Amino acid sequence: NHKLKTRLRNLSLNTVCEESRCPNISECFS
């Protein structure tokens, strides 16, 4: 889900999903 990540970056937002390397990131982002 690169599109979701790109949109978050464009808004200069952080997610704990990425910061903590959550193992469910694929499932949740999809």
Full PDB file with SEQRES, HELIX, SHEET, SSBOND, CRYST1, ORIGX, SCALE, CONECT and MASTER records, all heavy atoms in Angstrom:
SEQRES   1 A   30  ASN HIS LYS LEU LYS THR ARG LEU ARG ASN LEU SER LEU          
SEQRES   2 A   30  ASN THR VAL CYS GLU GLU SER ARG CYS PRO ASN ILE SER          
SEQRES   3 A   30  GLU CYS PHE SER                                              
HELIX    1 AA1 HIS A    2  ASN A   10  1                                   9    
HELIX    2 AA2 VAL A   16  GLU A   19  1                                   4    
HELIX    3 AA3 ILE A   25  PHE A   29  1                                   5    
CRYST1    1.000    1.000    1.000  90.00  90.00  90.00 P 1           1          
ORIGX1      1.000000  0.000000  0.000000        0.00000                         
ORIGX2      0.000000  1.000000  0.000000        0.00000                         
ORIGX3      0.000000  0.000000  1.000000        0.00000                         
SCALE1      1.000000  0.000000  0.000000        0.00000                         
SCALE2      0.000000  1.000000  0.000000        0.00000                         
SCALE3      0.000000  0.000000  1.000000        0.00000                         
ATOM      1  N   ASN A   1       0.815  -1.203   0.000  1.00  0.00           N  
ATOM      2  CA  ASN A   1       0.000   0.000   0.000  1.00  0.00           C  
ATOM      3  C   ASN A   1       0.857   1.264   0.000  1.00  0.00           C  
ATOM      4  O   ASN A   1       0.789   2.095   0.902  1.00  0.00           O  
ATOM      5  CB  ASN A   1      -0.973   0.024   1.177  1.00  0.00           C  
ATOM      6  CG  ASN A   1      -2.231   0.825   0.839  1.00  0.00           C  
ATOM      7  OD1 ASN A   1      -2.187   1.758   0.047  1.00  0.00           O  
ATOM      8  ND2 ASN A   1      -3.337   0.444   1.443  1.00  0.00           N  
ATOM      9  N   HIS A   2       1.648   1.394  -1.018  1.00  0.00           N  
ATOM     10  CA  HIS A   2       2.535   2.544  -1.158  1.00  0.00           C  
ATOM     11  C   HIS A   2       1.734   3.839  -1.262  1.00  0.00           C  
ATOM     12  O   HIS A   2       2.176   4.897  -0.797  1.00  0.00           O  
ATOM     13  CB  HIS A   2       3.416   2.362  -2.398  1.00  0.00           C  
ATOM     14  CG  HIS A   2       4.342   3.503  -2.657  1.00  0.00           C  
ATOM     15  ND1 HIS A   2       5.431   3.762  -1.852  1.00  0.00           N  
ATOM     16  CD2 HIS A   2       4.324   4.472  -3.623  1.00  0.00           C  
ATOM     17  CE1 HIS A   2       6.056   4.840  -2.316  1.00  0.00           C  
ATOM     18  NE2 HIS A   2       5.407   5.280  -3.370  1.00  0.00           N  
ATOM     19  N   LYS A   3       0.537   3.772  -1.860  1.00  0.00           N  
ATOM     20  CA  LYS A   3      -0.290   4.973  -2.014  1.00  0.00           C  
ATOM     21  C   LYS A   3      -0.634   5.573  -0.654  1.00  0.00           C  
ATOM     22  O   LYS A   3      -0.580   6.794  -0.467  1.00  0.00           O  
ATOM     23  CB  LYS A   3      -1.569   4.643  -2.774  1.00  0.00           C  
ATOM     24  CG  LYS A   3      -2.490   5.863  -2.953  1.00  0.00           C  
ATOM     25  CD  LYS A   3      -3.822   5.485  -3.580  1.00  0.00           C  
ATOM     26  CE  LYS A   3      -3.682   5.308  -5.063  1.00  0.00           C  
ATOM     27  NZ  LYS A   3      -5.025   5.125  -5.722  1.00  0.00           N  
ATOM     28  N   LEU A   4      -1.026   4.707   0.306  1.00  0.00           N  
ATOM     29  CA  LEU A   4      -1.374   5.196   1.632  1.00  0.00           C  
ATOM     30  C   LEU A   4      -0.177   5.867   2.282  1.00  0.00           C  
ATOM     31  O   LEU A   4      -0.288   6.962   2.850  1.00  0.00           O  
ATOM     32  CB  LEU A   4      -1.882   4.049   2.504  1.00  0.00           C  
ATOM     33  CG  LEU A   4      -2.165   4.369   3.979  1.00  0.00           C  
ATOM     34  CD1 LEU A   4      -3.175   5.501   4.096  1.00  0.00           C  
ATOM     35  CD2 LEU A   4      -2.667   3.145   4.702  1.00  0.00           C  
ATOM     36  N   LYS A   5       0.983   5.226   2.211  1.00  0.00           N  
ATOM     37  CA  LYS A   5       2.183   5.805   2.797  1.00  0.00           C  
ATOM     38  C   LYS A   5       2.501   7.157   2.173  1.00  0.00           C  
ATOM     39  O   LYS A   5       2.867   8.115   2.870  1.00  0.00           O  
ATOM     40  CB  LYS A   5       3.380   4.865   2.599  1.00  0.00           C  
ATOM     41  CG  LYS A   5       3.352   3.605   3.433  1.00  0.00           C  
ATOM     42  CD  LYS A   5       4.670   2.871   3.250  1.00  0.00           C  
ATOM     43  CE  LYS A   5       4.709   1.575   4.025  1.00  0.00           C  
ATOM     44  NZ  LYS A   5       6.017   0.888   3.891  1.00  0.00           N  
ATOM     45  N   THR A   6       2.372   7.243   0.854  1.00  0.00           N  
ATOM     46  CA  THR A   6       2.675   8.487   0.153  1.00  0.00           C  
ATOM     47  C   THR A   6       1.761   9.611   0.617  1.00  0.00           C  
ATOM     48  O   THR A   6       2.207  10.745   0.845  1.00  0.00           O  
ATOM     49  CB  THR A   6       2.540   8.291  -1.368  1.00  0.00           C  
ATOM     50  OG1 THR A   6       3.444   7.275  -1.792  1.00  0.00           O  
ATOM     51  CG2 THR A   6       2.837   9.583  -2.108  1.00  0.00           C  
ATOM     52  N   ARG A   7       0.481   9.309   0.776  1.00  0.00           N  
ATOM     53  CA  ARG A   7      -0.466  10.326   1.224  1.00  0.00           C  
ATOM     54  C   ARG A   7      -0.132  10.808   2.636  1.00  0.00           C  
ATOM     55  O   ARG A   7      -0.228  11.999   2.934  1.00  0.00           O  
ATOM     56  CB  ARG A   7      -1.887   9.759   1.181  1.00  0.00           C  
ATOM     57  CG  ARG A   7      -2.449   9.616  -0.231  1.00  0.00           C  
ATOM     58  CD  ARG A   7      -3.845   9.033  -0.213  1.00  0.00           C  
ATOM     59  NE  ARG A   7      -4.441   9.041  -1.550  1.00  0.00           N  
ATOM     60  CZ  ARG A   7      -5.642   8.554  -1.822  1.00  0.00           C  
ATOM     61  NH1 ARG A   7      -6.373   8.003  -0.854  1.00  0.00           N  
ATOM     62  NH2 ARG A   7      -6.118   8.614  -3.054  1.00  0.00           N  
ATOM     63  N   LEU A   8       0.259   9.885   3.498  1.00  0.00           N  
ATOM     64  CA  LEU A   8       0.634  10.268   4.851  1.00  0.00           C  
ATOM     65  C   LEU A   8       1.884  11.147   4.848  1.00  0.00           C  
ATOM     66  O   LEU A   8       1.979  12.120   5.599  1.00  0.00           O  
ATOM     67  CB  LEU A   8       0.863   9.024   5.717  1.00  0.00           C  
ATOM     68  CG  LEU A   8      -0.373   8.173   6.008  1.00  0.00           C  
ATOM     69  CD1 LEU A   8       0.020   6.881   6.698  1.00  0.00           C  
ATOM     70  CD2 LEU A   8      -1.368   8.944   6.867  1.00  0.00           C  
ATOM     71  N   ARG A   9       2.839  10.807   3.978  1.00  0.00           N  
ATOM     72  CA  ARG A   9       4.061  11.607   3.883  1.00  0.00           C  
ATOM     73  C   ARG A   9       3.744  13.007   3.363  1.00  0.00           C  
ATOM     74  O   ARG A   9       4.315  13.986   3.822  1.00  0.00           O  
ATOM     75  CB  ARG A   9       5.076  10.933   2.942  1.00  0.00           C  
ATOM     76  CG  ARG A   9       5.628   9.625   3.427  1.00  0.00           C  
ATOM     77  CD  ARG A   9       6.453   9.779   4.706  1.00  0.00           C  
ATOM     78  NE  ARG A   9       6.744   8.473   5.255  1.00  0.00           N  
ATOM     79  CZ  ARG A   9       5.943   7.817   6.088  1.00  0.00           C  
ATOM     80  NH1 ARG A   9       4.787   8.343   6.462  1.00  0.00           N  
ATOM     81  NH2 ARG A   9       6.269   6.640   6.564  1.00  0.00           N  
ATOM     82  N   ASN A  10       2.842  13.085   2.413  1.00  0.00           N  
ATOM     83  CA  ASN A  10       2.484  14.385   1.849  1.00  0.00           C  
ATOM     84  C   ASN A  10       1.853  15.302   2.890  1.00  0.00           C  
ATOM     85  O   ASN A  10       1.916  16.525   2.773  1.00  0.00           O  
ATOM     86  CB  ASN A  10       1.531  14.208   0.664  1.00  0.00           C  
ATOM     87  CG  ASN A  10       2.222  13.606  -0.558  1.00  0.00           C  
ATOM     88  OD1 ASN A  10       3.451  13.648  -0.666  1.00  0.00           O  
ATOM     89  ND2 ASN A  10       1.450  13.049  -1.461  1.00  0.00           N  
ATOM     90  N   LEU A  11       1.233  14.704   3.910  1.00  0.00           N  
ATOM     91  CA  LEU A  11       0.627  15.473   4.987  1.00  0.00           C  
ATOM     92  C   LEU A  11       1.569  15.612   6.179  1.00  0.00           C  
ATOM     93  O   LEU A  11       1.189  16.163   7.219  1.00  0.00           O  
ATOM     94  CB  LEU A  11      -0.674  14.800   5.440  1.00  0.00           C  
ATOM     95  CG  LEU A  11      -1.841  14.872   4.451  1.00  0.00           C  
ATOM     96  CD1 LEU A  11      -2.958  13.930   4.878  1.00  0.00           C  
ATOM     97  CD2 LEU A  11      -2.363  16.298   4.342  1.00  0.00           C  
ATOM     98  N   SER A  12       2.803  15.111   6.030  1.00  0.00           N  
ATOM     99  CA  SER A  12       3.819  15.168   7.102  1.00  0.00           C  
ATOM    100  C   SER A  12       3.313  14.535   8.393  1.00  0.00           C  
ATOM    101  O   SER A  12       3.424  15.097   9.484  1.00  0.00           O  
ATOM    102  CB  SER A  12       4.231  16.621   7.361  1.00  0.00           C  
ATOM    103  OG  SER A  12       4.799  17.198   6.218  1.00  0.00           O  
ATOM    104  N   LEU A  13       2.753  13.332   8.264  1.00  0.00           N  
ATOM    105  CA  LEU A  13       2.213  12.622   9.413  1.00  0.00           C  
ATOM    106  C   LEU A  13       3.007  11.351   9.681  1.00  0.00           C  
ATOM    107  O   LEU A  13       3.531  10.721   8.765  1.00  0.00           O  
ATOM    108  CB  LEU A  13       0.741  12.268   9.178  1.00  0.00           C  
ATOM    109  CG  LEU A  13      -0.224  13.453   9.042  1.00  0.00           C  
ATOM    110  CD1 LEU A  13      -1.615  12.962   8.666  1.00  0.00           C  
ATOM    111  CD2 LEU A  13      -0.281  14.266  10.333  1.00  0.00           C  
ATOM    112  N   ASN A  14       3.071  10.972  10.957  1.00  0.00           N  
ATOM    113  CA  ASN A  14       3.738   9.739  11.365  1.00  0.00           C  
ATOM    114  C   ASN A  14       2.706   8.701  11.782  1.00  0.00           C  
ATOM    115  O   ASN A  14       1.634   9.044  12.277  1.00  0.00           O  
ATOM    116  CB  ASN A  14       4.669   9.998  12.570  1.00  0.00           C  
ATOM    117  CG  ASN A  14       5.774  10.962  12.246  1.00  0.00           C  
ATOM    118  OD1 ASN A  14       6.471  10.825  11.243  1.00  0.00           O  
ATOM    119  ND2 ASN A  14       5.952  11.970  13.093  1.00  0.00           N  
ATOM    120  N   THR A  15       3.025   7.437  11.571  1.00  0.00           N  
ATOM    121  CA  THR A  15       2.195   6.360  12.108  1.00  0.00           C  
ATOM    122  C   THR A  15       3.047   5.514  13.036  1.00  0.00           C  
ATOM    123  O   THR A  15       4.234   5.272  12.773  1.00  0.00           O  
ATOM    124  CB  THR A  15       1.618   5.446  11.004  1.00  0.00           C  
ATOM    125  OG1 THR A  15       2.688   4.736  10.373  1.00  0.00           O  
ATOM    126  CG2 THR A  15       0.840   6.244   9.977  1.00  0.00           C  
ATOM    127  N   VAL A  16       2.432   5.067  14.133  1.00  0.00           N  
ATOM    128  CA  VAL A  16       3.151   4.196  15.054  1.00  0.00           C  
ATOM    129  C   VAL A  16       3.399   2.844  14.392  1.00  0.00           C  
ATOM    130  O   VAL A  16       4.323   2.113  14.762  1.00  0.00           O  
ATOM    131  CB  VAL A  16       2.374   4.044  16.382  1.00  0.00           C  
ATOM    132  CG1 VAL A  16       1.168   3.151  16.225  1.00  0.00           C  
ATOM    133  CG2 VAL A  16       3.284   3.551  17.491  1.00  0.00           C  
ATOM    134  N   CYS A  17       2.587   2.529  13.387  1.00  0.00           N  
ATOM    135  CA  CYS A  17       2.744   1.273  12.644  1.00  0.00           C  
ATOM    136  C   CYS A  17       4.167   1.150  12.087  1.00  0.00           C  
ATOM    137  O   CYS A  17       4.808   0.099  12.167  1.00  0.00           O  
ATOM    138  CB  CYS A  17       1.747   1.215  11.496  1.00  0.00           C  
ATOM    139  SG  CYS A  17       0.103   1.840  11.875  1.00  0.00           S  
ATOM    140  N   GLU A  18       4.665   2.248  11.511  1.00  0.00           N  
ATOM    141  CA  GLU A  18       6.000   2.234  10.930  1.00  0.00           C  
ATOM    142  C   GLU A  18       7.083   2.479  11.967  1.00  0.00           C  
ATOM    143  O   GLU A  18       8.132   1.843  11.952  1.00  0.00           O  
ATOM    144  CB  GLU A  18       6.080   3.282   9.819  1.00  0.00           C  
ATOM    145  CG  GLU A  18       5.185   2.970   8.633  1.00  0.00           C  
ATOM    146  CD  GLU A  18       5.181   4.090   7.616  1.00  0.00           C  
ATOM    147  OE1 GLU A  18       4.393   5.037   7.778  1.00  0.00           O  
ATOM    148  OE2 GLU A  18       5.984   4.011   6.661  1.00  0.00           O  
ATOM    149  N   GLU A  19       6.830   3.429  12.883  1.00  0.00           N  
ATOM    150  CA  GLU A  19       7.834   3.784  13.878  1.00  0.00           C  
ATOM    151  C   GLU A  19       8.196   2.600  14.759  1.00  0.00           C  
ATOM    152  O   GLU A  19       9.343   2.445  15.167  1.00  0.00           O  
ATOM    153  CB  GLU A  19       7.323   4.942  14.751  1.00  0.00           C  
ATOM    154  CG  GLU A  19       7.162   6.261  14.023  1.00  0.00           C  
ATOM    155  CD  GLU A  19       8.492   6.859  13.596  1.00  0.00           C  
ATOM    156  OE1 GLU A  19       9.511   6.570  14.235  1.00  0.00           O  
ATOM    157  OE2 GLU A  19       8.502   7.623  12.609  1.00  0.00           O  
ATOM    158  N   SER A  20       7.216   1.753  15.075  1.00  0.00           N  
ATOM    159  CA  SER A  20       7.460   0.612  15.960  1.00  0.00           C  
ATOM    160  C   SER A  20       7.683  -0.691  15.199  1.00  0.00           C  
ATOM    161  O   SER A  20       7.831  -1.744  15.799  1.00  0.00           O  
ATOM    162  CB  SER A  20       6.287   0.430  16.919  1.00  0.00           C  
ATOM    163  OG  SER A  20       5.103   0.122  16.204  1.00  0.00           O  
ATOM    164  N   ARG A  21       7.678  -0.599  13.838  1.00  0.00           N  
ATOM    165  CA  ARG A  21       7.837  -1.790  12.995  1.00  0.00           C  
ATOM    166  C   ARG A  21       6.820  -2.871  13.368  1.00  0.00           C  
ATOM    167  O   ARG A  21       7.152  -4.042  13.572  1.00  0.00           O  
ATOM    168  CB  ARG A  21       9.268  -2.342  13.104  1.00  0.00           C  
ATOM    169  CG  ARG A  21      10.320  -1.390  12.574  1.00  0.00           C  
ATOM    170  CD  ARG A  21      11.699  -1.985  12.628  1.00  0.00           C  
ATOM    171  NE  ARG A  21      12.715  -1.020  12.230  1.00  0.00           N  
ATOM    172  CZ  ARG A  21      14.026  -1.242  12.264  1.00  0.00           C  
ATOM    173  NH1 ARG A  21      14.480  -2.414  12.690  1.00  0.00           N  
ATOM    174  NH2 ARG A  21      14.876  -0.306  11.896  1.00  0.00           N  
ATOM    175  N   CYS A  22       5.590  -2.468  13.457  1.00  0.00           N  
ATOM    176  CA  CYS A  22       4.513  -3.388  13.842  1.00  0.00           C  
ATOM    177  C   CYS A  22       4.404  -4.523  12.833  1.00  0.00           C  
ATOM    178  O   CYS A  22       4.382  -4.286  11.619  1.00  0.00           O  
ATOM    179  CB  CYS A  22       3.194  -2.627  13.927  1.00  0.00           C  
ATOM    180  SG  CYS A  22       1.783  -3.692  14.319  1.00  0.00           S  
ATOM    181  N   PRO A  23       4.294  -5.767  13.301  1.00  0.00           N  
ATOM    182  CA  PRO A  23       4.195  -6.912  12.388  1.00  0.00           C  
ATOM    183  C   PRO A  23       2.884  -6.980  11.629  1.00  0.00           C  
ATOM    184  O   PRO A  23       2.752  -7.753  10.683  1.00  0.00           O  
ATOM    185  CB  PRO A  23       4.346  -8.120  13.322  1.00  0.00           C  
ATOM    186  CG  PRO A  23       3.888  -7.626  14.647  1.00  0.00           C  
ATOM    187  CD  PRO A  23       4.342  -6.192  14.711  1.00  0.00           C  
ATOM    188  N   ASN A  24       1.895  -6.172  12.020  1.00  0.00           N  
ATOM    189  CA  ASN A  24       0.603  -6.164  11.328  1.00  0.00           C  
ATOM    190  C   ASN A  24       0.484  -5.053  10.299  1.00  0.00           C  
ATOM    191  O   ASN A  24      -0.593  -4.817   9.767  1.00  0.00           O  
ATOM    192  CB  ASN A  24      -0.533  -6.011  12.358  1.00  0.00           C  
ATOM    193  CG  ASN A  24      -0.539  -7.121  13.378  1.00  0.00           C  
ATOM    194  OD1 ASN A  24      -0.440  -8.284  13.035  1.00  0.00           O  
ATOM    195  ND2 ASN A  24      -0.636  -6.754  14.637  1.00  0.00           N  
ATOM    196  N   ILE A  25       1.587  -4.383  10.010  1.00  0.00           N  
ATOM    197  CA  ILE A  25       1.525  -3.210   9.144  1.00  0.00           C  
ATOM    198  C   ILE A  25       0.974  -3.545   7.765  1.00  0.00           C  
ATOM    199  O   ILE A  25       0.187  -2.782   7.202  1.00  0.00           O  
ATOM    200  CB  ILE A  25       2.916  -2.534   9.043  1.00  0.00           C  
ATOM    201  CG1 ILE A  25       2.789  -1.188   8.315  1.00  0.00           C  
ATOM    202  CG2 ILE A  25       3.942  -3.438   8.383  1.00  0.00           C  
ATOM    203  CD1 ILE A  25       4.061  -0.363   8.389  1.00  0.00           C  
ATOM    204  N   SER A  26       1.344  -4.692   7.212  1.00  0.00           N  
ATOM    205  CA  SER A  26       0.844  -5.074   5.892  1.00  0.00           C  
ATOM    206  C   SER A  26      -0.668  -5.228   5.916  1.00  0.00           C  
ATOM    207  O   SER A  26      -1.378  -4.721   5.049  1.00  0.00           O  
ATOM    208  CB  SER A  26       1.488  -6.388   5.439  1.00  0.00           C  
ATOM    209  OG  SER A  26       2.895  -6.278   5.399  1.00  0.00           O  
ATOM    210  N   GLU A  27      -1.168  -5.931   6.913  1.00  0.00           N  
ATOM    211  CA  GLU A  27      -2.595  -6.203   7.026  1.00  0.00           C  
ATOM    212  C   GLU A  27      -3.391  -4.916   7.227  1.00  0.00           C  
ATOM    213  O   GLU A  27      -4.408  -4.683   6.562  1.00  0.00           O  
ATOM    214  CB  GLU A  27      -2.846  -7.154   8.197  1.00  0.00           C  
ATOM    215  CG  GLU A  27      -4.292  -7.541   8.384  1.00  0.00           C  
ATOM    216  CD  GLU A  27      -4.464  -8.525   9.533  1.00  0.00           C  
ATOM    217  OE1 GLU A  27      -3.455  -8.936  10.130  1.00  0.00           O  
ATOM    218  OE2 GLU A  27      -5.623  -8.858   9.823  1.00  0.00           O  
ATOM    219  N   CYS A  28      -2.913  -4.064   8.137  1.00  0.00           N  
ATOM    220  CA  CYS A  28      -3.654  -2.841   8.439  1.00  0.00           C  
ATOM    221  C   CYS A  28      -3.601  -1.842   7.290  1.00  0.00           C  
ATOM    222  O   CYS A  28      -4.617  -1.247   6.930  1.00  0.00           O  
ATOM    223  CB  CYS A  28      -3.108  -2.215   9.717  1.00  0.00           C  
ATOM    224  SG  CYS A  28      -3.419  -3.208  11.189  1.00  0.00           S  
ATOM    225  N   PHE A  29      -2.423  -1.656   6.696  1.00  0.00           N  
ATOM    226  CA  PHE A  29      -2.309  -0.704   5.602  1.00  0.00           C  
ATOM    227  C   PHE A  29      -3.137  -1.145   4.398  1.00  0.00           C  
ATOM    228  O   PHE A  29      -3.691  -0.324   3.681  1.00  0.00           O  
ATOM    229  CB  PHE A  29      -0.844  -0.521   5.206  1.00  0.00           C  
ATOM    230  CG  PHE A  29      -0.138   0.568   5.986  1.00  0.00           C  
ATOM    231  CD1 PHE A  29      -0.588   0.953   7.235  1.00  0.00           C  
ATOM    232  CD2 PHE A  29       0.966   1.202   5.459  1.00  0.00           C  
ATOM    233  CE1 PHE A  29       0.050   1.951   7.952  1.00  0.00           C  
ATOM    234  CE2 PHE A  29       1.621   2.207   6.169  1.00  0.00           C  
ATOM    235  CZ  PHE A  29       1.153   2.578   7.411  1.00  0.00           C  
ATOM    236  N   SER A  30      -3.219  -2.461   4.176  1.00  0.00           N  
ATOM    237  CA  SER A  30      -4.012  -2.950   3.050  1.00  0.00           C  
ATOM    238  C   SER A  30      -5.493  -2.652   3.244  1.00  0.00           C  
ATOM    239  O   SER A  30      -6.252  -2.575   2.285  1.00  0.00           O  
ATOM    240  CB  SER A  30      -3.802  -4.452   2.860  1.00  0.00           C  
ATOM    241  OG  SER A  30      -4.360  -5.180   3.937  1.00  0.00           O  
TER     242      SER A  30                                                      
MASTER        0    0    0    3    0    0    0    6  241    1    0    3          
END                                                                             
